[in-house]
Amino acid sequence: MSSQQQTVKRFSKPVIIVHWINAVAFLALYITGLPLYTDFFSWMYGVFGGPENLRLLHRIFAVVFILPVFIILITDPKSFFHWIKQAFTWRKSDFQFFAKFPKEFFGGHVKDMPKQDFYNAGEKLNSIMQIVCAVILIGSGIVIWMPHLFSTGIIQWAYPLHNIGFGLAAAVVVGHVFLSCGHPNSKISMQGMTKGDVPVDYAKDHHGKWYDELVAKGEIKEAPKKKDKGA
């Protein structure tokens, strides 16, 4: 079997399921939140049957948005805590990644990219940003939903914080979607979130440390070194 055909398991079914629940919920929250965010989209109230119906839907999807954390803690806590640990574990190679990444982002091939963990530095940053945005959105959202439980000062802060979290989360998602679906060097990673596995060559190029661990454990065969074109 060639290295191009060989794959390795990256994500479990529970991880895949909660990822897509979270993604659908965020998209629904984004759509239902637009008319609440700016009057430019006030015409959308009619689409959803009026402001009250839209607010109700927004709150329902907010609950759905929170559910994945509890689902994964029940079904696959090992993967959840591994993700948290990796997201907040930064090494010299992670910072070196960002010095090399712009060239790869704009289509160049980086031969000496520092070897990365199961989650590379870009994914770690994305994870941290998503966690921060979720905390801002959920925390401020609870205040807006149940204002009778909070002081006037907290309520006044909740609205701008919710808007900031809304805009920041949208920017993070756009970057995440582009790199996982549209970028030629990394779009193969989407296979991990649909089938659960990724090509060994992808693991070697984008997650070198994880790849080395798999080879050392005998879980995969070492991919042959690619010959330089000039050789």
C-alpha atoms as a PDB file:
ATOM      1  CA  MET A   1       0.000   0.000   0.000  1.00  0.00           C
ATOM      2  CA  SER A   2       1.430   3.387  -0.962  1.00  0.00           C
ATOM      3  CA  SER A   3       1.811   6.195   1.559  1.00  0.00           C
ATOM      4  CA  GLN A   4      -0.710   8.211  -0.458  1.00  0.00           C
ATOM      5  CA  GLN A   5      -3.341   5.525   0.158  1.00  0.00           C
ATOM      6  CA  GLN A   6      -2.456   4.830   3.776  1.00  0.00           C
ATOM      7  CA  THR A   7      -4.608   6.664   6.298  1.00  0.00           C
ATOM      8  CA  VAL A   8      -4.563   7.059  10.059  1.00  0.00           C
ATOM      9  CA  LYS A   9      -7.447   7.623  12.446  1.00  0.00           C
ATOM     10  CA  ARG A  10      -7.535  11.168  13.798  1.00  0.00           C
ATOM     11  CA  PHE A  11     -10.981  11.831  15.257  1.00  0.00           C
ATOM     12  CA  SER A  12     -13.558   9.595  16.932  1.00  0.00           C
ATOM     13  CA  LYS A  13     -17.224   9.536  15.934  1.00  0.00           C
ATOM     14  CA  PRO A  14     -18.309  11.496  19.043  1.00  0.00           C
ATOM     15  CA  VAL A  15     -15.796  14.243  18.183  1.00  0.00           C
ATOM     16  CA  ILE A  16     -17.100  14.415  14.615  1.00  0.00           C
ATOM     17  CA  ILE A  17     -20.732  14.528  15.749  1.00  0.00           C
ATOM     18  CA  VAL A  18     -20.246  17.298  18.325  1.00  0.00           C
ATOM     19  CA  HIS A  19     -18.153  19.289  15.843  1.00  0.00           C
ATOM     20  CA  TRP A  20     -21.016  19.362  13.343  1.00  0.00           C
ATOM     21  CA  ILE A  21     -23.652  20.032  15.999  1.00  0.00           C
ATOM     22  CA  ASN A  22     -21.569  23.008  17.082  1.00  0.00           C
ATOM     23  CA  ALA A  23     -21.073  24.159  13.484  1.00  0.00           C
ATOM     24  CA  VAL A  24     -24.785  23.985  12.605  1.00  0.00           C
ATOM     25  CA  ALA A  25     -25.757  25.709  15.853  1.00  0.00           C
ATOM     26  CA  PHE A  26     -23.256  28.513  15.246  1.00  0.00           C
ATOM     27  CA  LEU A  27     -24.534  29.057  11.703  1.00  0.00           C
ATOM     28  CA  ALA A  28     -28.119  29.175  12.983  1.00  0.00           C
ATOM     29  CA  LEU A  29     -27.119  31.597  15.741  1.00  0.00           C
ATOM     30  CA  TYR A  30     -25.324  33.776  13.220  1.00  0.00           C
ATOM     31  CA  ILE A  31     -28.346  33.926  10.895  1.00  0.00           C
ATOM     32  CA  THR A  32     -30.888  34.547  13.659  1.00  0.00           C
ATOM     33  CA  GLY A  33     -28.537  37.033  15.306  1.00  0.00           C
ATOM     34  CA  LEU A  34     -28.079  39.305  12.282  1.00  0.00           C
ATOM     35  CA  PRO A  35     -31.356  41.260  12.657  1.00  0.00           C
ATOM     36  CA  LEU A  36     -30.697  41.534  16.400  1.00  0.00           C
ATOM     37  CA  TYR A  37     -27.217  42.860  15.661  1.00  0.00           C
ATOM     38  CA  THR A  38     -28.113  45.553  13.110  1.00  0.00           C
ATOM     39  CA  ASP A  39     -31.255  47.111  11.625  1.00  0.00           C
ATOM     40  CA  PHE A  40     -29.810  46.467   8.163  1.00  0.00           C
ATOM     41  CA  PHE A  41     -31.150  42.915   8.476  1.00  0.00           C
ATOM     42  CA  SER A  42     -34.470  43.857  10.104  1.00  0.00           C
ATOM     43  CA  TRP A  43     -36.255  42.483   7.023  1.00  0.00           C
ATOM     44  CA  MET A  44     -35.354  39.014   8.308  1.00  0.00           C
ATOM     45  CA  TYR A  45     -37.886  39.359  11.126  1.00  0.00           C
ATOM     46  CA  GLY A  46     -40.606  38.679   8.573  1.00  0.00           C
ATOM     47  CA  VAL A  47     -38.842  35.519   7.398  1.00  0.00           C
ATOM     48  CA  PHE A  48     -38.969  34.070  10.909  1.00  0.00           C
ATOM     49  CA  GLY A  49     -42.490  35.231  11.737  1.00  0.00           C
ATOM     50  CA  GLY A  50     -41.603  38.292  13.773  1.00  0.00           C
ATOM     51  CA  PRO A  51     -39.100  39.410  16.441  1.00  0.00           C
ATOM     52  CA  GLU A  52     -40.447  37.130  19.176  1.00  0.00           C
ATOM     53  CA  ASN A  53     -40.159  33.983  17.057  1.00  0.00           C
ATOM     54  CA  LEU A  54     -36.671  34.941  15.971  1.00  0.00           C
ATOM     55  CA  ARG A  55     -35.537  35.557  19.564  1.00  0.00           C
ATOM     56  CA  LEU A  56     -37.016  32.204  20.587  1.00  0.00           C
ATOM     57  CA  LEU A  57     -35.128  30.413  17.799  1.00  0.00           C
ATOM     58  CA  HIS A  58     -31.936  32.239  18.743  1.00  0.00           C
ATOM     59  CA  ARG A  59     -32.254  31.012  22.327  1.00  0.00           C
ATOM     60  CA  ILE A  60     -33.025  27.444  21.242  1.00  0.00           C
ATOM     61  CA  PHE A  61     -29.916  27.341  19.060  1.00  0.00           C
ATOM     62  CA  ALA A  62     -27.929  28.894  21.914  1.00  0.00           C
ATOM     63  CA  VAL A  63     -28.799  25.862  24.041  1.00  0.00           C
ATOM     64  CA  VAL A  64     -27.850  23.543  21.154  1.00  0.00           C
ATOM     65  CA  PHE A  65     -24.550  25.435  20.853  1.00  0.00           C
ATOM     66  CA  ILE A  66     -23.712  24.618  24.484  1.00  0.00           C
ATOM     67  CA  LEU A  67     -24.770  20.945  24.353  1.00  0.00           C
ATOM     68  CA  PRO A  68     -21.668  19.547  22.540  1.00  0.00           C
ATOM     69  CA  VAL A  69     -19.480  20.136  25.610  1.00  0.00           C
ATOM     70  CA  PHE A  70     -21.712  17.920  27.743  1.00  0.00           C
ATOM     71  CA  ILE A  71     -22.122  15.328  24.985  1.00  0.00           C
ATOM     72  CA  ILE A  72     -18.377  14.904  24.457  1.00  0.00           C
ATOM     73  CA  LEU A  73     -17.705  14.795  28.212  1.00  0.00           C
ATOM     74  CA  ILE A  74     -20.080  11.826  28.416  1.00  0.00           C
ATOM     75  CA  THR A  75     -19.153  10.007  25.195  1.00  0.00           C
ATOM     76  CA  ASP A  76     -15.424  10.713  24.736  1.00  0.00           C
ATOM     77  CA  PRO A  77     -13.889  12.705  27.619  1.00  0.00           C
ATOM     78  CA  LYS A  78     -10.387  11.531  26.656  1.00  0.00           C
ATOM     79  CA  SER A  79     -10.554  13.385  23.325  1.00  0.00           C
ATOM     80  CA  PHE A  80     -11.994  16.487  24.980  1.00  0.00           C
ATOM     81  CA  PHE A  81      -9.262  16.801  27.598  1.00  0.00           C
ATOM     82  CA  HIS A  82      -6.606  15.947  25.007  1.00  0.00           C
ATOM     83  CA  TRP A  83      -7.876  18.879  22.912  1.00  0.00           C
ATOM     84  CA  ILE A  84      -7.830  21.243  25.903  1.00  0.00           C
ATOM     85  CA  LYS A  85      -4.333  20.149  26.932  1.00  0.00           C
ATOM     86  CA  GLN A  86      -2.975  20.516  23.400  1.00  0.00           C
ATOM     87  CA  ALA A  87      -4.624  23.906  22.858  1.00  0.00           C
ATOM     88  CA  PHE A  88      -2.899  25.376  25.908  1.00  0.00           C
ATOM     89  CA  THR A  89       0.453  23.611  25.492  1.00  0.00           C
ATOM     90  CA  TRP A  90       2.782  25.820  23.481  1.00  0.00           C
ATOM     91  CA  ARG A  91       6.362  25.025  22.541  1.00  0.00           C
ATOM     92  CA  LYS A  92       9.090  26.784  20.605  1.00  0.00           C
ATOM     93  CA  SER A  93       8.068  24.876  17.475  1.00  0.00           C
ATOM     94  CA  ASP A  94       4.562  26.362  17.699  1.00  0.00           C
ATOM     95  CA  PHE A  95       5.862  29.921  17.579  1.00  0.00           C
ATOM     96  CA  GLN A  96       8.268  28.992  14.779  1.00  0.00           C
ATOM     97  CA  PHE A  97       5.251  27.692  12.857  1.00  0.00           C
ATOM     98  CA  PHE A  98       3.805  31.199  12.554  1.00  0.00           C
ATOM     99  CA  ALA A  99       7.049  32.522  11.074  1.00  0.00           C
ATOM    100  CA  LYS A 100       6.799  29.918   8.294  1.00  0.00           C
ATOM    101  CA  PHE A 101       3.026  29.800   7.862  1.00  0.00           C
ATOM    102  CA  PRO A 102       2.520  32.964   5.723  1.00  0.00           C
ATOM    103  CA  LYS A 103       4.514  31.401   2.872  1.00  0.00           C
ATOM    104  CA  GLU A 104       2.383  28.254   2.993  1.00  0.00           C
ATOM    105  CA  PHE A 105      -0.820  30.290   3.309  1.00  0.00           C
ATOM    106  CA  PHE A 106      -0.069  32.077   0.048  1.00  0.00           C
ATOM    107  CA  GLY A 107       0.619  28.850  -1.820  1.00  0.00           C
ATOM    108  CA  GLY A 108       4.320  28.311  -1.226  1.00  0.00           C
ATOM    109  CA  HIS A 109       5.905  25.035  -0.133  1.00  0.00           C
ATOM    110  CA  VAL A 110       7.737  25.166   3.195  1.00  0.00           C
ATOM    111  CA  LYS A 111      10.373  22.422   3.414  1.00  0.00           C
ATOM    112  CA  ASP A 112      11.577  23.142   6.948  1.00  0.00           C
ATOM    113  CA  MET A 113       8.236  23.651   8.719  1.00  0.00           C
ATOM    114  CA  PRO A 114       8.757  22.830  12.436  1.00  0.00           C
ATOM    115  CA  LYS A 115       7.172  19.510  13.365  1.00  0.00           C
ATOM    116  CA  GLN A 116       3.752  19.972  14.933  1.00  0.00           C
ATOM    117  CA  ASP A 117       1.641  18.135  17.492  1.00  0.00           C
ATOM    118  CA  PHE A 118      -1.690  16.344  16.969  1.00  0.00           C
ATOM    119  CA  TYR A 119      -3.053  19.892  16.762  1.00  0.00           C
ATOM    120  CA  ASN A 120      -0.697  22.244  14.959  1.00  0.00           C
ATOM    121  CA  ALA A 121      -0.095  25.810  16.143  1.00  0.00           C
ATOM    122  CA  GLY A 122      -2.760  27.213  13.831  1.00  0.00           C
ATOM    123  CA  GLU A 123      -5.339  24.777  15.182  1.00  0.00           C
ATOM    124  CA  LYS A 124      -4.273  25.581  18.744  1.00  0.00           C
ATOM    125  CA  LEU A 125      -4.769  29.301  18.143  1.00  0.00           C
ATOM    126  CA  ASN A 126      -8.120  28.621  16.485  1.00  0.00           C
ATOM    127  CA  SER A 127      -9.164  26.491  19.470  1.00  0.00           C
ATOM    128  CA  ILE A 128      -8.223  29.182  21.990  1.00  0.00           C
ATOM    129  CA  MET A 129     -10.050  31.840  19.979  1.00  0.00           C
ATOM    130  CA  GLN A 130     -13.143  29.641  19.777  1.00  0.00           C
ATOM    131  CA  ILE A 131     -13.065  29.027  23.526  1.00  0.00           C
ATOM    132  CA  VAL A 132     -12.690  32.757  24.255  1.00  0.00           C
ATOM    133  CA  CYS A 133     -15.521  33.640  21.856  1.00  0.00           C
ATOM    134  CA  ALA A 134     -17.765  30.943  23.329  1.00  0.00           C
ATOM    135  CA  VAL A 135     -17.175  32.205  26.879  1.00  0.00           C
ATOM    136  CA  ILE A 136     -17.941  35.787  25.813  1.00  0.00           C
ATOM    137  CA  LEU A 137     -21.052  34.827  23.843  1.00  0.00           C
ATOM    138  CA  ILE A 138     -22.468  32.406  26.404  1.00  0.00           C
ATOM    139  CA  GLY A 139     -21.698  34.608  29.405  1.00  0.00           C
ATOM    140  CA  SER A 140     -23.109  37.793  27.881  1.00  0.00           C
ATOM    141  CA  GLY A 141     -25.981  35.846  26.304  1.00  0.00           C
ATOM    142  CA  ILE A 142     -27.144  34.545  29.681  1.00  0.00           C
ATOM    143  CA  VAL A 143     -27.191  38.108  31.028  1.00  0.00           C
ATOM    144  CA  ILE A 144     -29.199  39.351  28.024  1.00  0.00           C
ATOM    145  CA  TRP A 145     -31.586  36.384  28.270  1.00  0.00           C
ATOM    146  CA  MET A 146     -32.157  36.751  32.030  1.00  0.00           C
ATOM    147  CA  PRO A 147     -31.546  40.436  32.849  1.00  0.00           C
ATOM    148  CA  HIS A 148     -33.627  40.255  36.040  1.00  0.00           C
ATOM    149  CA  LEU A 149     -30.818  38.242  37.637  1.00  0.00           C
ATOM    150  CA  PHE A 150     -28.122  40.869  37.089  1.00  0.00           C
ATOM    151  CA  SER A 151     -27.320  44.472  37.949  1.00  0.00           C
ATOM    152  CA  THR A 152     -27.772  47.347  35.496  1.00  0.00           C
ATOM    153  CA  GLY A 153     -24.010  47.736  35.099  1.00  0.00           C
ATOM    154  CA  ILE A 154     -23.531  44.098  34.103  1.00  0.00           C
ATOM    155  CA  ILE A 155     -26.436  44.300  31.651  1.00  0.00           C
ATOM    156  CA  GLN A 156     -24.955  47.410  30.014  1.00  0.00           C
ATOM    157  CA  TRP A 157     -21.653  45.586  29.492  1.00  0.00           C
ATOM    158  CA  ALA A 158     -23.334  42.422  28.221  1.00  0.00           C
ATOM    159  CA  TYR A 159     -24.652  43.930  24.984  1.00  0.00           C
ATOM    160  CA  PRO A 160     -21.357  45.327  23.601  1.00  0.00           C
ATOM    161  CA  LEU A 161     -19.502  42.192  24.739  1.00  0.00           C
ATOM    162  CA  HIS A 162     -22.035  40.011  22.924  1.00  0.00           C
ATOM    163  CA  ASN A 163     -21.565  42.081  19.762  1.00  0.00           C
ATOM    164  CA  ILE A 164     -17.770  41.876  20.040  1.00  0.00           C
ATOM    165  CA  GLY A 165     -17.929  38.124  20.567  1.00  0.00           C
ATOM    166  CA  PHE A 166     -20.311  37.834  17.612  1.00  0.00           C
ATOM    167  CA  GLY A 167     -17.955  39.664  15.241  1.00  0.00           C
ATOM    168  CA  LEU A 168     -14.794  37.974  16.502  1.00  0.00           C
ATOM    169  CA  ALA A 169     -16.334  34.498  16.301  1.00  0.00           C
ATOM    170  CA  ALA A 170     -17.471  35.134  12.726  1.00  0.00           C
ATOM    171  CA  ALA A 171     -13.925  36.140  11.717  1.00  0.00           C
ATOM    172  CA  VAL A 172     -12.454  33.030  13.376  1.00  0.00           C
ATOM    173  CA  VAL A 173     -14.966  30.768  11.629  1.00  0.00           C
ATOM    174  CA  VAL A 174     -14.255  32.302   8.209  1.00  0.00           C
ATOM    175  CA  GLY A 175     -10.544  31.576   8.616  1.00  0.00           C
ATOM    176  CA  HIS A 176     -11.247  28.084   9.927  1.00  0.00           C
ATOM    177  CA  VAL A 177     -13.572  27.224   7.037  1.00  0.00           C
ATOM    178  CA  PHE A 178     -11.151  28.553   4.420  1.00  0.00           C
ATOM    179  CA  LEU A 179      -8.174  26.590   5.751  1.00  0.00           C
ATOM    180  CA  SER A 180     -10.151  23.374   6.226  1.00  0.00           C
ATOM    181  CA  CYS A 181     -12.191  23.502   3.018  1.00  0.00           C
ATOM    182  CA  GLY A 182     -10.572  25.849   0.525  1.00  0.00           C
ATOM    183  CA  HIS A 183      -6.816  26.052   1.033  1.00  0.00           C
ATOM    184  CA  PRO A 184      -5.011  23.612  -1.308  1.00  0.00           C
ATOM    185  CA  ASN A 185      -2.386  22.640   1.288  1.00  0.00           C
ATOM    186  CA  SER A 186      -4.762  21.880   4.152  1.00  0.00           C
ATOM    187  CA  LYS A 187      -8.249  21.169   2.790  1.00  0.00           C
ATOM    188  CA  ILE A 188      -7.582  17.425   2.995  1.00  0.00           C
ATOM    189  CA  SER A 189      -7.871  17.889   6.770  1.00  0.00           C
ATOM    190  CA  MET A 190     -11.660  18.062   6.309  1.00  0.00           C
ATOM    191  CA  GLN A 191     -11.560  14.304   5.735  1.00  0.00           C
ATOM    192  CA  GLY A 192     -10.738  13.963   9.419  1.00  0.00           C
ATOM    193  CA  MET A 193     -14.028  15.636  10.331  1.00  0.00           C
ATOM    194  CA  THR A 194     -16.110  13.587   7.896  1.00  0.00           C
ATOM    195  CA  LYS A 195     -14.561  10.111   7.837  1.00  0.00           C
ATOM    196  CA  GLY A 196     -12.417  10.349  10.959  1.00  0.00           C
ATOM    197  CA  ASP A 197      -9.111   9.562   9.253  1.00  0.00           C
ATOM    198  CA  VAL A 198      -6.498  11.504   7.294  1.00  0.00           C
ATOM    199  CA  PRO A 199      -3.797  10.477   4.799  1.00  0.00           C
ATOM    200  CA  VAL A 200      -0.472   9.548   6.382  1.00  0.00           C
ATOM    201  CA  ASP A 201       1.292  12.041   4.107  1.00  0.00           C
ATOM    202  CA  TYR A 202      -0.914  14.804   5.502  1.00  0.00           C
ATOM    203  CA  ALA A 203      -0.100  13.742   9.072  1.00  0.00           C
ATOM    204  CA  LYS A 204       3.616  13.757   8.262  1.00  0.00           C
ATOM    205  CA  ASP A 205       3.551  17.204   6.627  1.00  0.00           C
ATOM    206  CA  HIS A 206       1.217  19.003   9.048  1.00  0.00           C
ATOM    207  CA  HIS A 207       1.570  17.086  12.317  1.00  0.00           C
ATOM    208  CA  GLY A 208       5.139  15.790  12.279  1.00  0.00           C
ATOM    209  CA  LYS A 209       5.431  15.120  16.018  1.00  0.00           C
ATOM    210  CA  TRP A 210       2.193  13.150  16.060  1.00  0.00           C
ATOM    211  CA  TYR A 211       3.325  11.253  12.955  1.00  0.00           C
ATOM    212  CA  ASP A 212       6.647  10.350  14.615  1.00  0.00           C
ATOM    213  CA  GLU A 213       4.764   9.082  17.680  1.00  0.00           C
ATOM    214  CA  LEU A 214       2.573   6.855  15.503  1.00  0.00           C
ATOM    215  CA  VAL A 215       5.613   5.433  13.701  1.00  0.00           C
ATOM    216  CA  ALA A 216       7.402   4.808  17.013  1.00  0.00           C
ATOM    217  CA  LYS A 217       4.351   2.935  18.333  1.00  0.00           C
ATOM    218  CA  GLY A 218       4.163   0.874  15.150  1.00  0.00           C
ATOM    219  CA  GLU A 219       0.645   2.116  14.383  1.00  0.00           C
ATOM    220  CA  ILE A 220       1.647   3.209  10.878  1.00  0.00           C
ATOM    221  CA  LYS A 221       4.494   2.472   8.490  1.00  0.00           C
ATOM    222  CA  GLU A 222       6.955   5.271   7.927  1.00  0.00           C
ATOM    223  CA  ALA A 223       6.263   7.026   4.647  1.00  0.00           C
ATOM    224  CA  PRO A 224       9.210   6.996   2.205  1.00  0.00           C
ATOM    225  CA  LYS A 225      11.104  10.262   1.926  1.00  0.00           C
ATOM    226  CA  LYS A 226      10.136  12.395  -1.020  1.00  0.00           C
ATOM    227  CA  LYS A 227      12.930  12.903  -3.518  1.00  0.00           C
ATOM    228  CA  ASP A 228      13.905  16.447  -4.421  1.00  0.00           C
ATOM    229  CA  LYS A 229      13.111  17.348  -8.003  1.00  0.00           C
ATOM    230  CA  GLY A 230      16.724  18.218  -8.618  1.00  0.00           C
ATOM    231  CA  ALA A 231      18.017  14.851  -7.402  1.00  0.00           C
END
